[in-house]
Amino acid sequence: MGTKVIMSFFFIIIMLSSCGQGENNPVKAGSQANGEIAEISFNEYEYDFGKIKEGEKVAHIFAFVNKGPGSLVIESASTSCGCTVSKYDRSPIAAGKGGNLEVVFDSNGRNGIQTKTISVRSNSKTQVVILKITAEII
């Protein structure tokens, strides 16, 4: 019975390590096409909403440019809190072109100084970029 458990364990490890390595993974495939790697560059990496009233929803757009020769594909933009939502275009962005990532912060039920982060994962040379928003809830 111990041998079956060990074999099952190795099978699971092998399966997990091979996940996401196929050609259908747009991030890996896009970054390796013709050896051209995308390079995401944001105009700003932090934004301060200043003082806002509790219950307000505020939004900010982080603009970015693909400075690399390859097409840029944003895989995800994860927020550190459910009170913050991000929206972005999922289409590939050609070299030299730009795009926007919108962040909406809901201050409902919050007070004091709030700092939230957005982790942007892409096929860029820098695969994860951290953006930050802050607000003082009054």
N, C-alpha and C. Protein backbone atom coordinates (compact mmCIF):
# COMPACT_ATOMS: atom_id res chain seq x y z
N MET A 1 0.82 -1.19 0.00
CA MET A 1 0.00 0.00 0.00
C MET A 1 0.87 1.26 0.00
N GLY A 2 2.02 1.25 0.66
CA GLY A 2 2.92 2.39 0.71
C GLY A 2 3.48 2.73 -0.67
N THR A 3 3.72 1.72 -1.50
CA THR A 3 4.26 1.95 -2.84
C THR A 3 3.25 2.71 -3.70
N LYS A 4 1.97 2.38 -3.58
CA LYS A 4 0.93 3.07 -4.35
C LYS A 4 0.86 4.55 -3.96
N VAL A 5 0.99 4.83 -2.68
CA VAL A 5 0.95 6.21 -2.21
C VAL A 5 2.13 6.99 -2.77
N ILE A 6 3.32 6.41 -2.73
CA ILE A 6 4.52 7.07 -3.23
C ILE A 6 4.40 7.30 -4.74
N MET A 7 3.93 6.31 -5.49
CA MET A 7 3.78 6.45 -6.93
C MET A 7 2.75 7.54 -7.25
N SER A 8 1.65 7.58 -6.49
CA SER A 8 0.63 8.61 -6.70
C SER A 8 1.21 9.99 -6.43
N PHE A 9 2.02 10.10 -5.39
CA PHE A 9 2.66 11.36 -5.04
C PHE A 9 3.55 11.84 -6.19
N PHE A 10 4.38 10.96 -6.74
CA PHE A 10 5.26 11.33 -7.85
C PHE A 10 4.46 11.70 -9.09
N PHE A 11 3.37 11.01 -9.35
CA PHE A 11 2.52 11.32 -10.49
C PHE A 11 1.95 12.73 -10.35
N ILE A 12 1.48 13.07 -9.16
CA ILE A 12 0.92 14.41 -8.92
C ILE A 12 2.00 15.47 -9.11
N ILE A 13 3.18 15.24 -8.59
CA ILE A 13 4.29 16.20 -8.73
C ILE A 13 4.62 16.42 -10.20
N ILE A 14 4.70 15.34 -10.97
CA ILE A 14 5.03 15.45 -12.39
C ILE A 14 3.93 16.22 -13.12
N MET A 15 2.68 15.93 -12.82
CA MET A 15 1.57 16.61 -13.48
C MET A 15 1.57 18.11 -13.14
N LEU A 16 1.80 18.44 -11.89
CA LEU A 16 1.81 19.85 -11.48
C LEU A 16 2.97 20.60 -12.12
N SER A 17 4.11 19.98 -12.22
CA SER A 17 5.26 20.67 -12.78
C SER A 17 5.13 20.89 -14.28
N SER A 18 4.29 20.10 -14.95
CA SER A 18 4.14 20.27 -16.39
C SER A 18 3.00 21.22 -16.75
N CYS A 19 2.18 21.63 -15.78
CA CYS A 19 1.06 22.53 -16.05
C CYS A 19 1.57 23.88 -16.54
N GLY A 20 0.91 24.42 -17.55
CA GLY A 20 1.24 25.76 -18.03
C GLY A 20 2.48 25.84 -18.87
N GLN A 21 3.05 24.71 -19.31
CA GLN A 21 4.26 24.78 -20.09
C GLN A 21 4.02 24.52 -21.56
N GLY A 22 2.78 24.35 -21.96
CA GLY A 22 2.48 24.06 -23.35
C GLY A 22 2.43 25.31 -24.19
N GLU A 23 2.26 25.14 -25.50
CA GLU A 23 2.22 26.25 -26.43
C GLU A 23 0.95 27.07 -26.29
N ASN A 24 -0.07 26.53 -25.63
CA ASN A 24 -1.32 27.26 -25.48
C ASN A 24 -1.27 28.30 -24.38
N ASN A 25 -0.20 28.37 -23.63
CA ASN A 25 -0.06 29.37 -22.59
C ASN A 25 0.34 30.69 -23.25
N PRO A 26 -0.57 31.70 -23.34
CA PRO A 26 -0.26 32.92 -24.08
C PRO A 26 0.88 33.72 -23.50
N VAL A 27 1.09 33.66 -22.19
CA VAL A 27 2.17 34.44 -21.60
C VAL A 27 3.52 33.89 -22.01
N LYS A 28 3.72 32.59 -21.85
CA LYS A 28 5.00 32.01 -22.21
C LYS A 28 5.21 32.02 -23.72
N ALA A 29 4.16 31.68 -24.48
CA ALA A 29 4.29 31.63 -25.93
C ALA A 29 4.59 33.02 -26.48
N GLY A 30 3.90 34.06 -25.96
CA GLY A 30 4.10 35.41 -26.44
C GLY A 30 5.48 35.94 -26.13
N SER A 31 6.03 35.56 -24.98
CA SER A 31 7.32 36.10 -24.59
C SER A 31 8.47 35.44 -25.34
N GLN A 32 8.25 34.27 -25.91
CA GLN A 32 9.32 33.55 -26.56
C GLN A 32 9.24 33.62 -28.09
N ALA A 33 8.15 34.15 -28.63
CA ALA A 33 7.99 34.18 -30.08
C ALA A 33 9.12 34.96 -30.73
N ASN A 34 9.86 34.31 -31.61
CA ASN A 34 10.97 34.92 -32.34
C ASN A 34 12.03 35.54 -31.42
N GLY A 35 12.07 35.11 -30.18
CA GLY A 35 13.05 35.65 -29.23
C GLY A 35 12.77 37.08 -28.83
N GLU A 36 11.62 37.62 -29.22
CA GLU A 36 11.28 38.99 -28.89
C GLU A 36 10.48 39.04 -27.59
N ILE A 37 10.99 39.77 -26.64
CA ILE A 37 10.36 39.85 -25.32
C ILE A 37 9.72 41.21 -25.13
N ALA A 38 8.50 41.21 -24.62
CA ALA A 38 7.79 42.45 -24.32
C ALA A 38 8.40 43.09 -23.07
N GLU A 39 8.16 44.39 -22.93
CA GLU A 39 8.63 45.10 -21.73
C GLU A 39 7.61 46.16 -21.35
N ILE A 40 6.87 45.88 -20.26
CA ILE A 40 5.84 46.81 -19.81
C ILE A 40 6.47 47.94 -18.99
N SER A 41 6.00 49.15 -19.26
CA SER A 41 6.49 50.32 -18.53
C SER A 41 5.30 51.22 -18.22
N PHE A 42 5.00 51.40 -16.93
CA PHE A 42 3.89 52.25 -16.51
C PHE A 42 4.36 53.69 -16.39
N ASN A 43 3.47 54.64 -16.67
CA ASN A 43 3.78 56.07 -16.50
C ASN A 43 3.97 56.41 -15.04
N GLU A 44 3.27 55.67 -14.16
CA GLU A 44 3.39 55.84 -12.71
C GLU A 44 3.09 54.50 -12.06
N TYR A 45 3.66 54.30 -10.88
CA TYR A 45 3.49 53.03 -10.18
C TYR A 45 2.71 53.19 -8.87
N GLU A 46 2.45 54.44 -8.48
CA GLU A 46 1.70 54.73 -7.26
C GLU A 46 0.74 55.88 -7.54
N TYR A 47 -0.42 55.83 -6.87
CA TYR A 47 -1.37 56.92 -6.99
C TYR A 47 -2.04 57.15 -5.64
N ASP A 48 -2.13 58.43 -5.24
CA ASP A 48 -2.75 58.79 -3.97
C ASP A 48 -4.06 59.54 -4.28
N PHE A 49 -5.19 58.98 -3.85
CA PHE A 49 -6.48 59.62 -4.04
C PHE A 49 -6.67 60.80 -3.09
N GLY A 50 -5.81 60.92 -2.09
CA GLY A 50 -5.96 61.99 -1.11
C GLY A 50 -7.06 61.65 -0.13
N LYS A 51 -7.76 62.68 0.37
CA LYS A 51 -8.84 62.47 1.34
C LYS A 51 -10.15 62.23 0.58
N ILE A 52 -10.84 61.16 0.96
CA ILE A 52 -12.15 60.85 0.38
C ILE A 52 -13.11 60.49 1.51
N LYS A 53 -14.40 60.62 1.24
CA LYS A 53 -15.41 60.29 2.23
C LYS A 53 -15.66 58.79 2.25
N GLU A 54 -15.92 58.27 3.44
CA GLU A 54 -16.25 56.85 3.59
C GLU A 54 -17.48 56.55 2.72
N GLY A 55 -17.42 55.47 1.96
CA GLY A 55 -18.51 55.08 1.08
C GLY A 55 -18.30 55.47 -0.37
N GLU A 56 -17.35 56.37 -0.64
CA GLU A 56 -17.07 56.78 -2.02
C GLU A 56 -16.37 55.66 -2.78
N LYS A 57 -16.66 55.60 -4.09
CA LYS A 57 -15.91 54.74 -5.01
C LYS A 57 -15.09 55.68 -5.87
N VAL A 58 -13.78 55.44 -5.89
CA VAL A 58 -12.89 56.27 -6.69
C VAL A 58 -12.13 55.39 -7.67
N ALA A 59 -11.74 55.96 -8.81
CA ALA A 59 -11.05 55.19 -9.84
C ALA A 59 -9.83 55.95 -10.33
N HIS A 60 -8.85 55.19 -10.78
CA HIS A 60 -7.66 55.77 -11.40
C HIS A 60 -7.21 54.86 -12.54
N ILE A 61 -6.71 55.47 -13.60
CA ILE A 61 -6.20 54.71 -14.74
C ILE A 61 -4.68 54.79 -14.75
N PHE A 62 -4.06 53.62 -14.69
CA PHE A 62 -2.60 53.50 -14.84
C PHE A 62 -2.32 53.23 -16.31
N ALA A 63 -1.66 54.16 -16.99
CA ALA A 63 -1.30 54.00 -18.40
C ALA A 63 0.05 53.30 -18.49
N PHE A 64 0.20 52.47 -19.52
CA PHE A 64 1.47 51.77 -19.73
C PHE A 64 1.79 51.69 -21.21
N VAL A 65 3.06 51.37 -21.50
CA VAL A 65 3.55 51.22 -22.87
C VAL A 65 4.35 49.94 -22.94
N ASN A 66 4.28 49.26 -24.07
CA ASN A 66 5.12 48.09 -24.33
C ASN A 66 6.40 48.59 -25.00
N LYS A 67 7.49 48.65 -24.26
CA LYS A 67 8.76 49.16 -24.77
C LYS A 67 9.65 48.07 -25.38
N GLY A 68 9.17 46.83 -25.35
CA GLY A 68 9.95 45.74 -25.92
C GLY A 68 9.54 45.45 -27.35
N PRO A 69 10.30 44.61 -28.05
CA PRO A 69 9.98 44.28 -29.44
C PRO A 69 8.87 43.24 -29.60
N GLY A 70 8.57 42.48 -28.57
CA GLY A 70 7.53 41.45 -28.66
C GLY A 70 6.17 41.97 -28.23
N SER A 71 5.12 41.22 -28.55
CA SER A 71 3.77 41.58 -28.14
C SER A 71 3.60 41.35 -26.64
N LEU A 72 2.92 42.29 -25.98
CA LEU A 72 2.68 42.22 -24.54
C LEU A 72 1.31 41.63 -24.27
N VAL A 73 1.26 40.65 -23.37
CA VAL A 73 -0.01 40.05 -22.96
C VAL A 73 -0.10 40.13 -21.44
N ILE A 74 -1.11 40.84 -20.94
CA ILE A 74 -1.34 40.89 -19.50
C ILE A 74 -2.16 39.67 -19.13
N GLU A 75 -1.60 38.87 -18.25
CA GLU A 75 -2.26 37.63 -17.81
C GLU A 75 -3.27 37.91 -16.71
N SER A 76 -2.90 38.75 -15.74
CA SER A 76 -3.80 39.05 -14.63
C SER A 76 -3.38 40.34 -13.95
N ALA A 77 -4.32 40.89 -13.20
CA ALA A 77 -4.07 42.06 -12.35
C ALA A 77 -4.81 41.80 -11.05
N SER A 78 -4.11 41.22 -10.10
CA SER A 78 -4.70 40.80 -8.83
C SER A 78 -4.59 41.92 -7.80
N THR A 79 -5.67 42.14 -7.07
CA THR A 79 -5.67 43.19 -6.05
C THR A 79 -5.51 42.58 -4.66
N SER A 80 -5.01 43.38 -3.74
CA SER A 80 -4.74 42.89 -2.38
C SER A 80 -5.99 42.86 -1.50
N CYS A 81 -7.12 43.36 -2.02
CA CYS A 81 -8.32 43.45 -1.20
C CYS A 81 -9.54 43.38 -2.11
N GLY A 82 -10.62 42.81 -1.60
CA GLY A 82 -11.86 42.74 -2.35
C GLY A 82 -12.49 44.10 -2.60
N CYS A 83 -12.02 45.11 -1.89
CA CYS A 83 -12.55 46.46 -2.05
C CYS A 83 -11.95 47.16 -3.28
N THR A 84 -11.01 46.51 -3.93
CA THR A 84 -10.34 47.08 -5.08
C THR A 84 -10.50 46.15 -6.28
N VAL A 85 -10.90 46.72 -7.41
CA VAL A 85 -11.14 45.94 -8.62
C VAL A 85 -10.31 46.54 -9.75
N SER A 86 -9.77 45.67 -10.61
CA SER A 86 -9.00 46.16 -11.76
C SER A 86 -9.65 45.71 -13.06
N LYS A 87 -9.51 46.54 -14.09
CA LYS A 87 -10.00 46.24 -15.44
C LYS A 87 -8.88 46.55 -16.42
N TYR A 88 -8.69 45.66 -17.41
CA TYR A 88 -7.66 45.87 -18.41
C TYR A 88 -8.02 45.13 -19.69
N ASP A 89 -7.42 45.54 -20.79
CA ASP A 89 -7.64 44.91 -22.08
C ASP A 89 -6.82 43.62 -22.15
N ARG A 90 -7.45 42.54 -22.52
CA ARG A 90 -6.78 41.24 -22.57
C ARG A 90 -6.16 40.95 -23.94
N SER A 91 -6.30 41.85 -24.89
CA SER A 91 -5.73 41.67 -26.22
C SER A 91 -4.22 41.92 -26.18
N PRO A 92 -3.44 41.23 -27.05
CA PRO A 92 -2.00 41.50 -27.12
C PRO A 92 -1.74 42.95 -27.53
N ILE A 93 -0.71 43.53 -26.95
CA ILE A 93 -0.35 44.92 -27.22
C ILE A 93 0.97 44.91 -27.98
N ALA A 94 0.95 45.44 -29.18
CA ALA A 94 2.13 45.43 -30.05
C ALA A 94 3.25 46.31 -29.48
N ALA A 95 4.45 46.06 -29.97
CA ALA A 95 5.62 46.85 -29.57
C ALA A 95 5.36 48.32 -29.85
N GLY A 96 5.70 49.17 -28.88
CA GLY A 96 5.54 50.60 -29.04
C GLY A 96 4.14 51.12 -28.75
N LYS A 97 3.18 50.23 -28.58
CA LYS A 97 1.80 50.63 -28.31
C LYS A 97 1.55 50.63 -26.80
N GLY A 98 0.45 51.24 -26.40
CA GLY A 98 0.14 51.35 -24.99
C GLY A 98 -1.24 50.84 -24.65
N GLY A 99 -1.53 50.88 -23.37
CA GLY A 99 -2.82 50.45 -22.88
C GLY A 99 -3.09 51.07 -21.52
N ASN A 100 -4.23 50.72 -20.95
CA ASN A 100 -4.63 51.25 -19.65
C ASN A 100 -5.08 50.13 -18.73
N LEU A 101 -4.83 50.34 -17.45
CA LEU A 101 -5.33 49.44 -16.41
C LEU A 101 -6.09 50.33 -15.43
N GLU A 102 -7.39 50.11 -15.34
CA GLU A 102 -8.22 50.91 -14.45
C GLU A 102 -8.36 50.21 -13.11
N VAL A 103 -8.23 50.99 -12.04
CA VAL A 103 -8.37 50.48 -10.68
C VAL A 103 -9.48 51.26 -10.00
N VAL A 104 -10.46 50.52 -9.43
CA VAL A 104 -11.57 51.13 -8.71
C VAL A 104 -11.48 50.70 -7.25
N PHE A 105 -11.49 51.68 -6.35
CA PHE A 105 -11.41 51.43 -4.91
C PHE A 105 -12.73 51.83 -4.27
N ASP A 106 -13.33 50.92 -3.51
CA ASP A 106 -14.59 51.17 -2.80
C ASP A 106 -14.26 51.37 -1.32
N SER A 107 -14.48 52.58 -0.83
CA SER A 107 -14.12 52.91 0.55
C SER A 107 -15.19 52.55 1.57
N ASN A 108 -16.27 51.93 1.13
CA ASN A 108 -17.36 51.57 2.03
C ASN A 108 -16.86 50.69 3.19
N GLY A 109 -17.14 51.12 4.43
CA GLY A 109 -16.73 50.35 5.61
C GLY A 109 -15.26 50.51 5.99
N ARG A 110 -14.56 51.41 5.37
CA ARG A 110 -13.13 51.64 5.64
C ARG A 110 -12.96 52.99 6.33
N ASN A 111 -11.86 53.13 7.08
CA ASN A 111 -11.54 54.43 7.65
C ASN A 111 -10.04 54.55 7.82
N GLY A 112 -9.58 55.78 7.90
CA GLY A 112 -8.16 56.04 8.05
C GLY A 112 -7.41 55.88 6.74
N ILE A 113 -6.10 55.78 6.84
CA ILE A 113 -5.26 55.64 5.66
C ILE A 113 -5.31 54.20 5.16
N GLN A 114 -5.61 54.06 3.87
CA GLN A 114 -5.71 52.75 3.23
C GLN A 114 -4.66 52.66 2.12
N THR A 115 -3.96 51.56 2.08
CA THR A 115 -2.98 51.29 1.01
C THR A 115 -3.31 49.94 0.42
N LYS A 116 -3.49 49.90 -0.89
CA LYS A 116 -3.82 48.67 -1.61
C LYS A 116 -2.83 48.47 -2.74
N THR A 117 -2.56 47.23 -3.08
CA THR A 117 -1.63 46.93 -4.17
C THR A 117 -2.34 46.14 -5.26
N ILE A 118 -1.80 46.28 -6.47
CA ILE A 118 -2.28 45.55 -7.63
C ILE A 118 -1.06 44.87 -8.24
N SER A 119 -1.09 43.55 -8.33
CA SER A 119 0.01 42.77 -8.92
C SER A 119 -0.35 42.48 -10.37
N VAL A 120 0.41 43.09 -11.29
CA VAL A 120 0.16 42.93 -12.71
C VAL A 120 1.13 41.87 -13.24
N ARG A 121 0.57 40.76 -13.69
CA ARG A 121 1.37 39.64 -14.21
C ARG A 121 1.24 39.61 -15.73
N SER A 122 2.40 39.56 -16.42
CA SER A 122 2.39 39.57 -17.89
C SER A 122 3.58 38.77 -18.43
N ASN A 123 3.71 38.78 -19.74
CA ASN A 123 4.84 38.11 -20.38
C ASN A 123 6.01 39.08 -20.58
N SER A 124 6.01 40.17 -19.85
CA SER A 124 7.07 41.17 -19.93
C SER A 124 8.38 40.64 -19.37
N LYS A 125 9.45 41.32 -19.73
CA LYS A 125 10.77 41.02 -19.17
C LYS A 125 10.68 40.99 -17.64
N THR A 126 9.98 41.94 -17.06
CA THR A 126 9.63 41.93 -15.63
C THR A 126 8.23 41.34 -15.55
N GLN A 127 8.13 40.09 -15.12
CA GLN A 127 6.86 39.37 -15.22
C GLN A 127 5.79 39.86 -14.25
N VAL A 128 6.18 40.41 -13.11
CA VAL A 128 5.21 40.94 -12.14
C VAL A 128 5.60 42.37 -11.77
N VAL A 129 4.65 43.27 -11.93
CA VAL A 129 4.83 44.67 -11.55
C VAL A 129 3.80 44.98 -10.48
N ILE A 130 4.23 45.66 -9.41
CA ILE A 130 3.33 46.02 -8.32
C ILE A 130 2.97 47.51 -8.43
N LEU A 131 1.67 47.77 -8.50
CA LEU A 131 1.15 49.13 -8.47
C LEU A 131 0.54 49.37 -7.09
N LYS A 132 0.49 50.62 -6.66
CA LYS A 132 -0.02 50.92 -5.33
C LYS A 132 -0.95 52.12 -5.37
N ILE A 133 -2.07 52.01 -4.63
CA ILE A 133 -2.98 53.14 -4.45
C ILE A 133 -3.11 53.40 -2.95
N THR A 134 -3.30 54.67 -2.60
CA THR A 134 -3.54 55.04 -1.21
C THR A 134 -4.67 56.05 -1.15
N ALA A 135 -5.33 56.08 -0.01
CA ALA A 135 -6.40 57.06 0.22
C ALA A 135 -6.55 57.23 1.72
N GLU A 136 -6.96 58.42 2.12
CA GLU A 136 -7.29 58.66 3.52
C GLU A 136 -8.80 58.81 3.61
N ILE A 137 -9.43 57.88 4.31
CA ILE A 137 -10.88 57.89 4.43
C ILE A 137 -11.29 58.75 5.63
N ILE A 138 -12.15 59.74 5.38
CA ILE A 138 -12.58 60.65 6.46
C ILE A 138 -14.08 60.53 6.69
